[in-house]
Amino acid sequence: MKGAVLLVVFSYLFPLLAGIGATSHLNSEWEEGFFENIANEVVGRWLGLYIVFAAGISNIALYQSEMSSDR
């Protein structure tokens, strides 16, 4: 369980630190979907599209799991 918690913390922490360090945007500019903007600026359009695609798949999976748990 401790390993899983650490894995989740680092999987959120590393992209956040990379986004903060690689751009000069203010914290007040951050809003929903801002990781896509950072990926487009730092790496390229392909990573921004991949982030949007992965978020869409994640939302579909969350919806399916919610619907399957209802009675």
PDB file of N, CA and C in Angstrom:
ATOM      1  N   MET A   1       0.819  -1.169   0.000  1.00  0.00           N
ATOM      2  CA  MET A   1       0.000   0.000   0.000  1.00  0.00           C
ATOM      3  C   MET A   1       0.880   1.256   0.000  1.00  0.00           C
ATOM      4  N   LYS A   2       1.936   1.237   0.779  1.00  0.00           N
ATOM      5  CA  LYS A   2       2.835   2.398   0.810  1.00  0.00           C
ATOM      6  C   LYS A   2       3.460   2.635  -0.564  1.00  0.00           C
ATOM      7  N   GLY A   3       3.822   1.556  -1.230  1.00  0.00           N
ATOM      8  CA  GLY A   3       4.403   1.679  -2.566  1.00  0.00           C
ATOM      9  C   GLY A   3       3.419   2.274  -3.562  1.00  0.00           C
ATOM     10  N   ALA A   4       2.160   1.860  -3.460  1.00  0.00           N
ATOM     11  CA  ALA A   4       1.136   2.396  -4.363  1.00  0.00           C
ATOM     12  C   ALA A   4       0.912   3.879  -4.102  1.00  0.00           C
ATOM     13  N   VAL A   5       0.907   4.274  -2.841  1.00  0.00           N
ATOM     14  CA  VAL A   5       0.730   5.691  -2.505  1.00  0.00           C
ATOM     15  C   VAL A   5       1.897   6.509  -3.042  1.00  0.00           C
ATOM     16  N   LEU A   6       3.103   6.018  -2.865  1.00  0.00           N
ATOM     17  CA  LEU A   6       4.274   6.727  -3.384  1.00  0.00           C
ATOM     18  C   LEU A   6       4.241   6.828  -4.910  1.00  0.00           C
ATOM     19  N   LEU A   7       3.822   5.756  -5.558  1.00  0.00           N
ATOM     20  CA  LEU A   7       3.731   5.771  -7.022  1.00  0.00           C
ATOM     21  C   LEU A   7       2.732   6.812  -7.501  1.00  0.00           C
ATOM     22  N   VAL A   8       1.594   6.905  -6.839  1.00  0.00           N
ATOM     23  CA  VAL A   8       0.584   7.896  -7.217  1.00  0.00           C
ATOM     24  C   VAL A   8       1.094   9.312  -6.954  1.00  0.00           C
ATOM     25  N   VAL A   9       1.733   9.520  -5.809  1.00  0.00           N
ATOM     26  CA  VAL A   9       2.254  10.851  -5.480  1.00  0.00           C
ATOM     27  C   VAL A   9       3.284  11.288  -6.506  1.00  0.00           C
ATOM     28  N   PHE A  10       4.201  10.409  -6.849  1.00  0.00           N
ATOM     29  CA  PHE A  10       5.238  10.790  -7.807  1.00  0.00           C
ATOM     30  C   PHE A  10       4.700  10.927  -9.229  1.00  0.00           C
ATOM     31  N   SER A  11       3.654  10.172  -9.570  1.00  0.00           N
ATOM     32  CA  SER A  11       3.096  10.311 -10.915  1.00  0.00           C
ATOM     33  C   SER A  11       2.366  11.641 -11.083  1.00  0.00           C
ATOM     34  N   TYR A  12       1.966  12.273  -9.987  1.00  0.00           N
ATOM     35  CA  TYR A  12       1.408  13.620 -10.055  1.00  0.00           C
ATOM     36  C   TYR A  12       2.484  14.681  -9.850  1.00  0.00           C
ATOM     37  N   LEU A  13       3.453  14.392  -9.009  1.00  0.00           N
ATOM     38  CA  LEU A  13       4.453  15.379  -8.634  1.00  0.00           C
ATOM     39  C   LEU A  13       5.432  15.683  -9.763  1.00  0.00           C
ATOM     40  N   PHE A  14       5.933  14.677 -10.454  1.00  0.00           N
ATOM     41  CA  PHE A  14       6.926  14.902 -11.504  1.00  0.00           C
ATOM     42  C   PHE A  14       6.391  15.734 -12.669  1.00  0.00           C
ATOM     43  N   PRO A  15       5.216  15.424 -13.228  1.00  0.00           N
ATOM     44  CA  PRO A  15       4.710  16.307 -14.301  1.00  0.00           C
ATOM     45  C   PRO A  15       4.429  17.723 -13.817  1.00  0.00           C
ATOM     46  N   LEU A  16       3.961  17.852 -12.583  1.00  0.00           N
ATOM     47  CA  LEU A  16       3.693  19.185 -12.047  1.00  0.00           C
ATOM     48  C   LEU A  16       4.981  19.985 -11.911  1.00  0.00           C
ATOM     49  N   LEU A  17       6.018  19.387 -11.374  1.00  0.00           N
ATOM     50  CA  LEU A  17       7.301  20.082 -11.233  1.00  0.00           C
ATOM     51  C   LEU A  17       7.910  20.407 -12.594  1.00  0.00           C
ATOM     52  N   ALA A  18       7.779  19.494 -13.540  1.00  0.00           N
ATOM     53  CA  ALA A  18       8.293  19.752 -14.885  1.00  0.00           C
ATOM     54  C   ALA A  18       7.535  20.905 -15.539  1.00  0.00           C
ATOM     55  N   GLY A  19       6.228  20.945 -15.358  1.00  0.00           N
ATOM     56  CA  GLY A  19       5.435  22.035 -15.925  1.00  0.00           C
ATOM     57  C   GLY A  19       5.747  23.369 -15.294  1.00  0.00           C
ATOM     58  N   ILE A  20       5.980  23.372 -13.995  1.00  0.00           N
ATOM     59  CA  ILE A  20       6.318  24.616 -13.304  1.00  0.00           C
ATOM     60  C   ILE A  20       7.708  25.092 -13.705  1.00  0.00           C
ATOM     61  N   GLY A  21       8.638  24.160 -13.816  1.00  0.00           N
ATOM     62  CA  GLY A  21      10.017  24.537 -14.116  1.00  0.00           C
ATOM     63  C   GLY A  21      10.270  24.888 -15.566  1.00  0.00           C
ATOM     64  N   ALA A  22       9.496  24.323 -16.483  1.00  0.00           N
ATOM     65  CA  ALA A  22       9.772  24.519 -17.907  1.00  0.00           C
ATOM     66  C   ALA A  22       9.083  25.736 -18.503  1.00  0.00           C
ATOM     67  N   THR A  23       8.130  26.309 -17.783  1.00  0.00           N
ATOM     68  CA  THR A  23       7.409  27.466 -18.319  1.00  0.00           C
ATOM     69  C   THR A  23       7.485  28.624 -17.338  1.00  0.00           C
ATOM     70  N   SER A  24       7.132  29.779 -17.834  1.00  0.00           N
ATOM     71  CA  SER A  24       7.152  30.966 -16.973  1.00  0.00           C
ATOM     72  C   SER A  24       5.742  31.461 -16.658  1.00  0.00           C
ATOM     73  N   HIS A  25       4.759  30.582 -16.774  1.00  0.00           N
ATOM     74  CA  HIS A  25       3.381  30.967 -16.500  1.00  0.00           C
ATOM     75  C   HIS A  25       3.169  31.144 -14.998  1.00  0.00           C
ATOM     76  N   LEU A  26       2.285  32.060 -14.648  1.00  0.00           N
ATOM     77  CA  LEU A  26       1.935  32.288 -13.254  1.00  0.00           C
ATOM     78  C   LEU A  26       0.934  31.232 -12.790  1.00  0.00           C
ATOM     79  N   ASN A  27       0.892  31.015 -11.485  1.00  0.00           N
ATOM     80  CA  ASN A  27      -0.053  30.040 -10.944  1.00  0.00           C
ATOM     81  C   ASN A  27      -1.495  30.441 -11.224  1.00  0.00           C
ATOM     82  N   SER A  28      -1.762  31.735 -11.301  1.00  0.00           N
ATOM     83  CA  SER A  28      -3.129  32.188 -11.557  1.00  0.00           C
ATOM     84  C   SER A  28      -3.589  31.859 -12.980  1.00  0.00           C
ATOM     85  N   GLU A  29      -2.666  31.576 -13.878  1.00  0.00           N
ATOM     86  CA  GLU A  29      -3.013  31.233 -15.254  1.00  0.00           C
ATOM     87  C   GLU A  29      -3.389  29.766 -15.413  1.00  0.00           C
ATOM     88  N   TRP A  30      -3.066  28.960 -14.424  1.00  0.00           N
ATOM     89  CA  TRP A  30      -3.352  27.536 -14.516  1.00  0.00           C
ATOM     90  C   TRP A  30      -4.848  27.316 -14.372  1.00  0.00           C
ATOM     91  N   GLU A  31      -5.404  26.516 -15.247  1.00  0.00           N
ATOM     92  CA  GLU A  31      -6.824  26.172 -15.219  1.00  0.00           C
ATOM     93  C   GLU A  31      -6.955  24.744 -15.733  1.00  0.00           C
ATOM     94  N   GLU A  32      -8.176  24.276 -15.869  1.00  0.00           N
ATOM     95  CA  GLU A  32      -8.383  22.925 -16.373  1.00  0.00           C
ATOM     96  C   GLU A  32      -7.781  22.783 -17.765  1.00  0.00           C
ATOM     97  N   GLY A  33      -7.076  21.695 -17.983  1.00  0.00           N
ATOM     98  CA  GLY A  33      -6.487  21.439 -19.284  1.00  0.00           C
ATOM     99  C   GLY A  33      -5.172  22.145 -19.536  1.00  0.00           C
ATOM    100  N   PHE A  34      -4.555  22.704 -18.508  1.00  0.00           N
ATOM    101  CA  PHE A  34      -3.332  23.475 -18.721  1.00  0.00           C
ATOM    102  C   PHE A  34      -2.127  22.591 -19.019  1.00  0.00           C
ATOM    103  N   PHE A  35      -2.173  21.312 -18.595  1.00  0.00           N
ATOM    104  CA  PHE A  35      -1.059  20.425 -18.923  1.00  0.00           C
ATOM    105  C   PHE A  35      -0.937  20.228 -20.434  1.00  0.00           C
ATOM    106  N   GLU A  36      -2.040  20.296 -21.141  1.00  0.00           N
ATOM    107  CA  GLU A  36      -1.977  20.212 -22.599  1.00  0.00           C
ATOM    108  C   GLU A  36      -1.225  21.406 -23.168  1.00  0.00           C
ATOM    109  N   ASN A  37      -1.487  22.598 -22.650  1.00  0.00           N
ATOM    110  CA  ASN A  37      -0.772  23.793 -23.116  1.00  0.00           C
ATOM    111  C   ASN A  37       0.721  23.683 -22.835  1.00  0.00           C
ATOM    112  N   ILE A  38       1.066  23.201 -21.656  1.00  0.00           N
ATOM    113  CA  ILE A  38       2.483  23.037 -21.304  1.00  0.00           C
ATOM    114  C   ILE A  38       3.141  22.016 -22.223  1.00  0.00           C
ATOM    115  N   ALA A  39       2.461  20.894 -22.479  1.00  0.00           N
ATOM    116  CA  ALA A  39       3.027  19.869 -23.357  1.00  0.00           C
ATOM    117  C   ALA A  39       3.216  20.406 -24.768  1.00  0.00           C
ATOM    118  N   ASN A  40       2.273  21.208 -25.244  1.00  0.00           N
ATOM    119  CA  ASN A  40       2.416  21.800 -26.579  1.00  0.00           C
ATOM    120  C   ASN A  40       3.614  22.732 -26.647  1.00  0.00           C
ATOM    121  N   GLU A  41       3.831  23.513 -25.605  1.00  0.00           N
ATOM    122  CA  GLU A  41       4.944  24.467 -25.600  1.00  0.00           C
ATOM    123  C   GLU A  41       6.295  23.786 -25.434  1.00  0.00           C
ATOM    124  N   VAL A  42       6.372  22.828 -24.530  1.00  0.00           N
ATOM    125  CA  VAL A  42       7.671  22.255 -24.173  1.00  0.00           C
ATOM    126  C   VAL A  42       8.091  21.151 -25.133  1.00  0.00           C
ATOM    127  N   VAL A  43       7.206  20.198 -25.406  1.00  0.00           N
ATOM    128  CA  VAL A  43       7.593  19.026 -26.194  1.00  0.00           C
ATOM    129  C   VAL A  43       7.103  19.129 -27.634  1.00  0.00           C
ATOM    130  N   GLY A  44       5.837  19.439 -27.802  1.00  0.00           N
ATOM    131  CA  GLY A  44       5.288  19.517 -29.153  1.00  0.00           C
ATOM    132  C   GLY A  44       3.817  19.158 -29.162  1.00  0.00           C
ATOM    133  N   ARG A  45       3.211  19.372 -30.316  1.00  0.00           N
ATOM    134  CA  ARG A  45       1.773  19.154 -30.457  1.00  0.00           C
ATOM    135  C   ARG A  45       1.378  17.708 -30.195  1.00  0.00           C
ATOM    136  N   TRP A  46       2.243  16.751 -30.547  1.00  0.00           N
ATOM    137  CA  TRP A  46       1.899  15.341 -30.401  1.00  0.00           C
ATOM    138  C   TRP A  46       1.666  14.974 -28.943  1.00  0.00           C
ATOM    139  N   LEU A  47       2.433  15.533 -28.022  1.00  0.00           N
ATOM    140  CA  LEU A  47       2.240  15.198 -26.608  1.00  0.00           C
ATOM    141  C   LEU A  47       0.969  15.847 -26.071  1.00  0.00           C
ATOM    142  N   GLY A  48       0.649  17.047 -26.532  1.00  0.00           N
ATOM    143  CA  GLY A  48      -0.602  17.677 -26.139  1.00  0.00           C
ATOM    144  C   GLY A  48      -1.801  16.849 -26.579  1.00  0.00           C
ATOM    145  N   LEU A  49      -1.757  16.354 -27.810  1.00  0.00           N
ATOM    146  CA  LEU A  49      -2.838  15.501 -28.297  1.00  0.00           C
ATOM    147  C   LEU A  49      -2.912  14.194 -27.524  1.00  0.00           C
ATOM    148  N   TYR A  50      -1.761  13.637 -27.176  1.00  0.00           N
ATOM    149  CA  TYR A  50      -1.739  12.402 -26.399  1.00  0.00           C
ATOM    150  C   TYR A  50      -2.348  12.615 -25.013  1.00  0.00           C
ATOM    151  N   ILE A  51      -2.076  13.740 -24.378  1.00  0.00           N
ATOM    152  CA  ILE A  51      -2.637  14.030 -23.064  1.00  0.00           C
ATOM    153  C   ILE A  51      -4.152  14.155 -23.149  1.00  0.00           C
ATOM    154  N   VAL A  52      -4.649  14.826 -24.177  1.00  0.00           N
ATOM    155  CA  VAL A  52      -6.100  14.957 -24.352  1.00  0.00           C
ATOM    156  C   VAL A  52      -6.730  13.596 -24.605  1.00  0.00           C
ATOM    157  N   PHE A  53      -6.103  12.786 -25.441  1.00  0.00           N
ATOM    158  CA  PHE A  53      -6.613  11.449 -25.727  1.00  0.00           C
ATOM    159  C   PHE A  53      -6.637  10.589 -24.462  1.00  0.00           C
ATOM    160  N   ALA A  54      -5.555  10.615 -23.694  1.00  0.00           N
ATOM    161  CA  ALA A  54      -5.492   9.823 -22.461  1.00  0.00           C
ATOM    162  C   ALA A  54      -6.521  10.289 -21.441  1.00  0.00           C
ATOM    163  N   ALA A  55      -6.744  11.593 -21.353  1.00  0.00           N
ATOM    164  CA  ALA A  55      -7.763  12.116 -20.435  1.00  0.00           C
ATOM    165  C   ALA A  55      -9.160  11.679 -20.886  1.00  0.00           C
ATOM    166  N   GLY A  56      -9.401  11.660 -22.177  1.00  0.00           N
ATOM    167  CA  GLY A  56     -10.692  11.200 -22.684  1.00  0.00           C
ATOM    168  C   GLY A  56     -10.940   9.739 -22.377  1.00  0.00           C
ATOM    169  N   ILE A  57      -9.939   8.908 -22.593  1.00  0.00           N
ATOM    170  CA  ILE A  57     -10.056   7.482 -22.271  1.00  0.00           C
ATOM    171  C   ILE A  57     -10.272   7.292 -20.781  1.00  0.00           C
ATOM    172  N   SER A  58      -9.575   8.071 -19.968  1.00  0.00           N
ATOM    173  CA  SER A  58      -9.746   7.995 -18.519  1.00  0.00           C
ATOM    174  C   SER A  58     -11.165   8.370 -18.106  1.00  0.00           C
ATOM    175  N   ASN A  59     -11.709   9.409 -18.711  1.00  0.00           N
ATOM    176  CA  ASN A  59     -13.085   9.811 -18.400  1.00  0.00           C
ATOM    177  C   ASN A  59     -14.089   8.745 -18.798  1.00  0.00           C
ATOM    178  N   ILE A  60     -13.883   8.122 -19.945  1.00  0.00           N
ATOM    179  CA  ILE A  60     -14.767   7.036 -20.371  1.00  0.00           C
ATOM    180  C   ILE A  60     -14.693   5.877 -19.387  1.00  0.00           C
ATOM    181  N   ALA A  61     -13.487   5.525 -18.953  1.00  0.00           N
ATOM    182  CA  ALA A  61     -13.323   4.429 -17.998  1.00  0.00           C
ATOM    183  C   ALA A  61     -13.971   4.751 -16.657  1.00  0.00           C
ATOM    184  N   LEU A  62     -13.824   5.987 -16.186  1.00  0.00           N
ATOM    185  CA  LEU A  62     -14.473   6.372 -14.936  1.00  0.00           C
ATOM    186  C   LEU A  62     -15.992   6.316 -15.063  1.00  0.00           C
ATOM    187  N   TYR A  63     -16.518   6.742 -16.184  1.00  0.00           N
ATOM    188  CA  TYR A  63     -17.957   6.689 -16.418  1.00  0.00           C
ATOM    189  C   TYR A  63     -18.451   5.243 -16.438  1.00  0.00           C
ATOM    190  N   GLN A  64     -17.721   4.398 -17.126  1.00  0.00           N
ATOM    191  CA  GLN A  64     -18.116   2.986 -17.196  1.00  0.00           C
ATOM    192  C   GLN A  64     -18.081   2.312 -15.828  1.00  0.00           C
ATOM    193  N   SER A  65     -17.074   2.620 -15.037  1.00  0.00           N
ATOM    194  CA  SER A  65     -16.995   2.016 -13.709  1.00  0.00           C
ATOM    195  C   SER A  65     -18.107   2.537 -12.802  1.00  0.00           C
ATOM    196  N   GLU A  66     -18.462   3.796 -12.952  1.00  0.00           N
ATOM    197  CA  GLU A  66     -19.581   4.349 -12.171  1.00  0.00           C
ATOM    198  C   GLU A  66     -20.898   3.699 -12.585  1.00  0.00           C
ATOM    199  N   MET A  67     -21.111   3.557 -13.881  1.00  0.00           N
ATOM    200  CA  MET A  67     -22.355   2.955 -14.347  1.00  0.00           C
ATOM    201  C   MET A  67     -22.458   1.480 -13.979  1.00  0.00           C
ATOM    202  N   SER A  68     -21.335   0.783 -13.970  1.00  0.00           N
ATOM    203  CA  SER A  68     -21.380  -0.638 -13.630  1.00  0.00           C
ATOM    204  C   SER A  68     -21.547  -0.879 -12.131  1.00  0.00           C
ATOM    205  N   SER A  69     -21.275   0.117 -11.322  1.00  0.00           N
ATOM    206  CA  SER A  69     -21.435  -0.055  -9.866  1.00  0.00           C
ATOM    207  C   SER A  69     -22.833   0.323  -9.390  1.00  0.00           C
ATOM    208  N   ASP A  70     -23.625   0.974 -10.245  1.00  0.00           N
ATOM    209  CA  ASP A  70     -24.997   1.323  -9.875  1.00  0.00           C
ATOM    210  C   ASP A  70     -25.880   0.086  -9.983  1.00  0.00           C
ATOM    211  N   ARG A  71     -26.952   0.100  -9.208  1.00  0.00           N
ATOM    212  CA  ARG A  71     -27.864  -1.046  -9.245  1.00  0.00           C
ATOM    213  C   ARG A  71     -29.023  -0.772 -10.124  1.00  0.00           C
TER     214      ARG A  71
END
